[in-house]
Amino acid sequence: MDMGIDMLSNLHAEIRIIQTEVQGLMRNAGMRPKRLVLAWLACGYVLASAAAQPELASGRLVIGAEDDAAPWSYADGTGYVNDVVRAAFQRSGWQVQYMVMPYARCKAMVLSGKLVACFSASRTPDLASQLLYPRQPVFNASNVLIARANADLQGCNPAEWPRPVKVGRVASYEYRANVMTLLGSPQVQVEDNNSEVSNMRKLEAGHIDAALVTLDAVKRLEALAIQAHSKGSFKTLCDFGPEGAYIVFSRQHPGARHALQAFESGYEGLLREGAIAEMQRRWRGHPLDQLKAKPH
């Protein structure tokens, strides 16, 4: 069933019922003025709800998509997560349109209710109290600390490093609690940059000593190095373990809870049918498309 069309039909039917009642009450307004006022208020509420939730009535959603997380999400609005999110909503009878933008802006617009949803965000205690999360992440990825292959750094314990180090991270990203513990060490100086690609370039040039990157089987370190036009080689100092990445929904947007339900239903159906595994398999073998990636 097309959820958007069904909801629109129900909404129109409800408005017609209320309008009929109001017209009847108007003819007898002197007898029941209180009920007349209540009916008018109810009609206004339904109409206001329809105006506030046009995407529910039409079955079309405008969703924020990060522009710089290739191959999860490219600057041109394509990517693995873009495919997954679109397929999940389509299975529930919804159509989506992407607004592609930097992640920091996307997250801010969802927090304020200007967008119904955005991807992809980690689940931190702070964000979990401000956003709505589906039961399932769209993927699981690891925060990984990397250094140049010839660096004199080893392991995850800053106390064992031979000197203080400068670590590059992305200013707007969320990181695991154990990452934040490491970044709080007196041996670590944090440098915030606008992308992992920028950090890769600074790492290769020796401007920073290590960089935090987020990787999985779809977004691999070698693909990130290609995007950064890096000719150097890198080693992993520490893999902090997998963390779920989610499409997140606004607590402030009037249509967010219905959209969340539609996504969950569609996504879980795709999981049962093996469609998610097939998309993962296809994207693992997908070469990085430099023309679609955001230039740096």
Protein backbone atom coordinates (compact mmCIF):
# COMPACT_ATOMS: atom_id res chain seq x y z
CA MET A 1 0.00 0.00 0.00
CA ASP A 2 1.22 3.55 -0.73
CA MET A 3 1.44 4.95 2.79
CA GLY A 4 1.46 8.56 1.61
CA ILE A 5 -1.69 8.21 -0.55
CA ASP A 6 -3.49 6.27 2.19
CA MET A 7 -2.68 8.91 4.80
CA LEU A 8 -3.79 11.70 2.46
CA SER A 9 -7.13 9.98 1.79
CA ASN A 10 -7.75 9.51 5.52
CA LEU A 11 -6.87 13.14 6.17
CA HIS A 12 -9.25 14.42 3.51
CA ALA A 13 -12.02 12.15 4.81
CA GLU A 14 -11.53 13.48 8.34
CA ILE A 15 -11.65 17.08 7.12
CA ARG A 16 -14.89 16.39 5.18
CA ILE A 17 -16.54 14.87 8.27
CA ILE A 18 -15.60 17.85 10.41
CA GLN A 19 -16.70 20.33 7.74
CA THR A 20 -20.10 18.63 7.46
CA GLU A 21 -20.52 18.79 11.22
CA VAL A 22 -19.51 22.44 11.30
CA GLN A 23 -22.01 23.32 8.56
CA GLY A 24 -24.78 21.60 10.51
CA LEU A 25 -23.78 23.33 13.70
CA MET A 26 -23.74 26.70 11.99
CA ARG A 27 -27.43 26.27 11.21
CA ASN A 28 -28.09 25.70 14.92
CA ALA A 29 -25.37 27.91 16.37
CA GLY A 30 -27.72 29.54 18.84
CA MET A 31 -28.46 26.20 20.44
CA ARG A 32 -24.92 24.78 20.77
CA PRO A 33 -22.29 27.57 20.55
CA LYS A 34 -19.72 25.68 22.62
CA ARG A 35 -19.77 22.66 20.34
CA LEU A 36 -19.51 24.94 17.31
CA VAL A 37 -16.31 26.48 18.65
CA LEU A 38 -14.83 23.06 19.41
CA ALA A 39 -15.63 21.81 15.92
CA TRP A 40 -13.98 24.81 14.34
CA LEU A 41 -10.90 24.25 16.50
CA ALA A 42 -10.77 20.57 15.49
CA CYS A 43 -11.04 21.45 11.83
CA GLY A 44 -8.26 23.98 12.17
CA TYR A 45 -6.05 21.45 13.93
CA VAL A 46 -6.45 18.88 11.14
CA LEU A 47 -5.77 21.47 8.45
CA ALA A 48 -2.72 22.76 10.32
CA SER A 49 -1.40 19.22 10.70
CA ALA A 50 -1.75 18.68 6.97
CA ALA A 51 0.13 21.89 6.26
CA ALA A 52 2.88 21.02 8.73
CA GLN A 53 3.36 17.52 7.33
CA PRO A 54 3.21 17.82 3.54
CA GLU A 55 5.68 14.98 3.11
CA LEU A 56 3.32 12.65 4.97
CA ALA A 57 0.43 13.60 2.73
CA SER A 58 2.42 13.18 -0.48
CA GLY A 59 4.54 10.21 0.55
CA ARG A 60 7.67 12.22 -0.32
CA LEU A 61 10.44 13.10 2.10
CA VAL A 62 13.31 15.56 1.89
CA ILE A 63 16.28 14.08 3.75
CA GLY A 64 19.71 15.52 4.45
CA ALA A 65 22.66 13.55 3.06
CA GLU A 66 26.31 14.13 3.93
CA ASP A 67 28.36 15.37 1.00
CA ASP A 68 31.80 14.09 2.04
CA ALA A 69 31.71 10.47 3.18
CA ALA A 70 32.49 8.62 -0.06
CA PRO A 71 31.65 5.89 -0.83
CA TRP A 72 28.94 5.87 1.88
CA SER A 73 27.58 9.15 0.55
CA TYR A 74 29.00 11.17 -2.33
CA ALA A 75 28.79 14.88 -3.06
CA ASP A 76 26.41 14.19 -5.98
CA GLY A 77 23.81 12.52 -3.74
CA THR A 78 24.73 8.91 -4.55
CA GLY A 79 26.44 6.32 -2.37
CA TYR A 80 25.93 3.12 -0.42
CA VAL A 81 23.89 4.73 2.38
CA ASN A 82 21.92 6.79 -0.13
CA ASP A 83 20.94 3.53 -1.86
CA VAL A 84 19.99 1.81 1.40
CA VAL A 85 17.87 4.69 2.70
CA ARG A 86 16.06 5.16 -0.62
CA ALA A 87 15.34 1.42 -0.92
CA ALA A 88 14.03 1.21 2.66
CA PHE A 89 11.58 4.05 2.15
CA GLN A 90 10.53 2.78 -1.28
CA ARG A 91 9.66 -0.58 0.25
CA SER A 92 7.27 1.29 2.56
CA GLY A 93 5.74 3.22 -0.34
CA TRP A 94 7.62 6.49 0.23
CA GLN A 95 9.81 8.49 -2.16
CA VAL A 96 12.82 10.46 -0.92
CA GLN A 97 14.69 13.47 -2.21
CA TYR A 98 18.17 14.26 -0.89
CA MET A 99 19.52 17.64 0.16
CA VAL A 100 23.29 17.15 -0.01
CA MET A 101 25.29 19.26 2.44
CA PRO A 102 28.16 19.18 4.95
CA TYR A 103 27.47 16.87 7.87
CA ALA A 104 27.62 19.62 10.52
CA ARG A 105 24.87 21.57 8.77
CA CYS A 106 22.80 18.45 8.17
CA LYS A 107 22.91 17.50 11.84
CA ALA A 108 22.08 21.04 12.95
CA MET A 109 19.03 21.19 10.68
CA VAL A 110 17.69 17.90 12.03
CA LEU A 111 18.27 18.99 15.61
CA SER A 112 16.30 22.19 14.96
CA GLY A 113 13.49 20.42 13.07
CA LYS A 114 14.21 22.09 9.72
CA LEU A 115 14.88 18.64 8.24
CA VAL A 116 13.05 15.43 9.07
CA ALA A 117 16.19 13.24 8.91
CA CYS A 118 19.90 13.13 8.09
CA PHE A 119 22.58 10.49 7.63
CA SER A 120 24.87 9.16 8.94
CA ALA A 121 25.33 9.78 12.69
CA SER A 122 26.69 7.76 15.58
CA ARG A 123 24.64 7.14 18.70
CA THR A 124 26.15 9.18 21.51
CA PRO A 125 24.42 9.85 24.87
CA ASP A 126 24.08 13.53 23.99
CA LEU A 127 22.55 12.95 20.55
CA ALA A 128 20.36 10.07 21.72
CA SER A 129 18.49 12.51 23.99
CA GLN A 130 17.96 14.97 21.11
CA LEU A 131 17.30 12.74 18.09
CA LEU A 132 15.25 9.67 17.17
CA TYR A 133 17.21 6.56 16.18
CA PRO A 134 15.98 3.50 14.26
CA ARG A 135 16.41 0.06 15.77
CA GLN A 136 19.05 -0.83 13.15
CA PRO A 137 22.08 1.18 11.95
CA VAL A 138 22.59 1.62 8.22
CA PHE A 139 26.13 0.29 8.67
CA ASN A 140 28.73 -0.47 11.32
CA ALA A 141 32.17 1.15 11.08
CA SER A 142 35.28 1.44 13.23
CA ASN A 143 37.13 4.51 14.44
CA VAL A 144 40.75 3.83 13.49
CA LEU A 145 43.86 5.80 14.43
CA ILE A 146 46.46 5.77 11.66
CA ALA A 147 49.99 7.09 11.26
CA ARG A 148 52.60 7.18 8.52
CA ALA A 149 54.09 3.74 7.94
CA ASN A 150 57.57 4.90 9.03
CA ALA A 151 56.38 6.71 12.17
CA ASP A 152 57.94 5.83 15.54
CA LEU A 153 54.48 5.41 17.08
CA GLN A 154 52.96 2.07 18.07
CA GLY A 155 49.79 0.98 19.83
CA CYS A 156 46.92 2.80 21.50
CA ASN A 157 48.50 3.94 24.77
CA PRO A 158 49.77 7.54 24.59
CA ALA A 159 51.83 6.94 27.73
CA GLU A 160 53.99 4.52 25.71
CA TRP A 161 54.51 6.88 22.80
CA PRO A 162 58.02 8.39 22.64
CA ARG A 163 56.73 11.95 22.43
CA PRO A 164 53.54 14.05 22.42
CA VAL A 165 51.56 13.66 19.21
CA LYS A 166 49.22 15.84 17.19
CA VAL A 167 46.07 13.94 16.16
CA GLY A 168 43.75 15.15 13.41
CA ARG A 169 40.02 14.58 13.70
CA VAL A 170 36.90 15.88 11.91
CA ALA A 171 35.34 18.66 13.99
CA SER A 172 31.67 17.68 13.48
CA TYR A 173 32.01 13.89 13.77
CA GLU A 174 31.04 11.77 16.75
CA TYR A 175 33.65 9.33 18.10
CA ARG A 176 33.52 6.37 20.44
CA ALA A 177 34.03 6.94 24.18
CA ASN A 178 37.43 5.21 24.13
CA VAL A 179 38.54 7.55 21.34
CA MET A 180 37.55 10.56 23.42
CA THR A 181 39.50 9.14 26.35
CA LEU A 182 42.62 8.90 24.20
CA LEU A 183 42.12 12.44 22.88
CA GLY A 184 41.95 13.68 26.47
CA SER A 185 45.44 12.39 27.24
CA PRO A 186 48.08 15.04 28.06
CA GLN A 187 50.26 13.34 25.42
CA VAL A 188 47.75 14.24 22.70
CA GLN A 189 47.19 17.55 20.97
CA VAL A 190 43.95 17.55 18.97
CA GLU A 191 43.68 19.36 15.66
CA ASP A 192 40.18 19.76 14.23
CA ASN A 193 39.80 19.81 10.44
CA ASN A 194 36.84 19.77 8.09
CA SER A 195 37.31 16.30 6.57
CA GLU A 196 39.18 13.01 6.77
CA VAL A 197 40.69 13.76 3.37
CA SER A 198 42.25 16.94 4.78
CA ASN A 199 43.63 14.98 7.71
CA MET A 200 45.10 12.35 5.37
CA ARG A 201 46.92 15.03 3.42
CA LYS A 202 48.21 16.71 6.57
CA LEU A 203 49.36 13.35 7.88
CA GLU A 204 51.28 12.57 4.71
CA ALA A 205 52.88 16.04 4.74
CA GLY A 206 53.96 15.65 8.38
CA HIS A 207 51.77 18.48 9.70
CA ILE A 208 50.07 16.03 12.08
CA ASP A 209 51.39 12.79 13.59
CA ALA A 210 48.23 10.66 13.43
CA ALA A 211 44.67 10.86 12.10
CA LEU A 212 41.31 9.43 13.06
CA VAL A 213 39.39 7.80 10.21
CA THR A 214 36.14 5.83 10.16
CA LEU A 215 36.26 2.66 8.05
CA ASP A 216 34.34 -0.47 7.13
CA ALA A 217 34.31 -2.99 4.31
CA VAL A 218 32.72 -0.43 1.96
CA LYS A 219 34.82 2.60 2.96
CA ARG A 220 38.39 1.27 3.10
CA LEU A 221 41.61 3.07 3.98
CA GLU A 222 43.00 2.64 0.46
CA ALA A 223 39.91 4.33 -1.00
CA LEU A 224 40.34 7.26 1.39
CA ALA A 225 44.00 7.56 0.39
CA ILE A 226 43.00 7.63 -3.29
CA GLN A 227 40.52 10.40 -2.60
CA ALA A 228 43.27 12.37 -0.81
CA HIS A 229 45.63 11.79 -3.80
CA SER A 230 48.06 10.32 -1.31
CA LYS A 231 51.09 8.42 -2.52
CA GLY A 232 52.30 7.52 0.96
CA SER A 233 51.69 4.41 3.02
CA PHE A 234 50.02 4.26 6.41
CA LYS A 235 49.73 1.90 9.36
CA THR A 236 47.04 1.33 11.95
CA LEU A 237 47.96 2.31 15.48
CA CYS A 238 44.64 1.35 17.00
CA ASP A 239 41.24 0.04 15.91
CA PHE A 240 38.74 1.23 18.51
CA GLY A 241 36.05 -1.23 17.43
CA PRO A 242 32.81 -1.04 15.43
CA GLU A 243 30.07 1.48 16.07
CA GLY A 244 26.65 1.79 14.45
CA ALA A 245 25.98 4.65 12.03
CA TYR A 246 22.35 5.68 11.64
CA ILE A 247 19.93 7.77 9.70
CA VAL A 248 18.67 10.03 12.50
CA PHE A 249 15.26 11.69 12.76
CA SER A 250 14.30 15.00 14.33
CA ARG A 251 12.41 15.20 17.60
CA GLN A 252 11.24 18.67 16.55
CA HIS A 253 9.83 17.87 13.09
CA PRO A 254 6.10 16.95 13.07
CA GLY A 255 6.54 14.20 10.48
CA ALA A 256 9.64 12.53 11.90
CA ARG A 257 8.03 9.72 13.89
CA HIS A 258 5.92 8.56 10.94
CA ALA A 259 8.98 8.73 8.69
CA LEU A 260 11.00 6.73 11.23
CA GLN A 261 8.33 4.02 11.29
CA ALA A 262 8.31 3.86 7.49
CA PHE A 263 12.10 3.56 7.36
CA GLU A 264 12.26 0.86 10.04
CA SER A 265 9.58 -1.22 8.36
CA GLY A 266 11.27 -0.97 4.97
CA TYR A 267 14.78 -1.54 6.23
CA GLU A 268 13.90 -4.61 8.27
CA GLY A 269 12.07 -6.03 5.26
CA LEU A 270 15.18 -5.53 3.12
CA LEU A 271 17.26 -7.28 5.77
CA ARG A 272 14.97 -10.32 5.78
CA GLU A 273 15.02 -10.51 2.00
CA GLY A 274 18.82 -10.32 1.75
CA ALA A 275 18.74 -7.01 -0.15
CA ILE A 276 21.02 -5.23 2.35
CA ALA A 277 23.65 -7.97 2.06
CA GLU A 278 23.47 -7.71 -1.73
CA MET A 279 23.97 -3.92 -1.65
CA GLN A 280 26.95 -4.35 0.68
CA ARG A 281 28.46 -6.95 -1.64
CA ARG A 282 28.01 -4.72 -4.66
CA TRP A 283 29.50 -1.64 -3.00
CA ARG A 284 32.50 -3.54 -1.60
CA GLY A 285 33.61 -4.16 -5.15
CA HIS A 286 32.70 -0.66 -6.32
CA PRO A 287 35.72 1.49 -7.23
CA LEU A 288 35.87 4.95 -5.72
CA ASP A 289 34.44 7.46 -8.18
CA GLN A 290 36.59 10.57 -7.96
CA LEU A 291 34.21 12.56 -10.14
CA LYS A 292 31.39 12.09 -7.61
CA ALA A 293 33.51 12.72 -4.52
CA LYS A 294 33.70 16.19 -3.00
CA PRO A 295 36.85 18.00 -4.23
CA HIS A 296 39.45 19.00 -1.63
